[in-house]
């Protein structure tokens, strides 16, 4: 506003908005859920991440308004956590998932 007042608050949180930002929140929640449920990430899970990045590359640029983490941060947590990280035979697919996130949003590496 030009009258010096503060801009109005958005009516929806970023994660509920449509478009790439909303799809980024969906990608983020998919990864976050895998961490929270302490799932052992399968090749099917990582294939879904790769397909998501292929379908909506901009979604990988999403960041959590709460703590500024990106889908790439969560993917790395999944791989790094020895309790829930991928089984040895799944590691290649997990790394392909991380590569897909980096290819879709190279800027996420420096966030």
Foldseek 3Di string as FASTA:
>chain_A
DVVPDDDDDDPDDQCPDDDLSVLLSVLQVLLVVCVVVLAQDALVSLVVLLVSCVVRLSSQVHADPVPRAGSLVSLVVQCPPPSRHHDPVRVVSSVVSSVSSCVSPVVNVVD
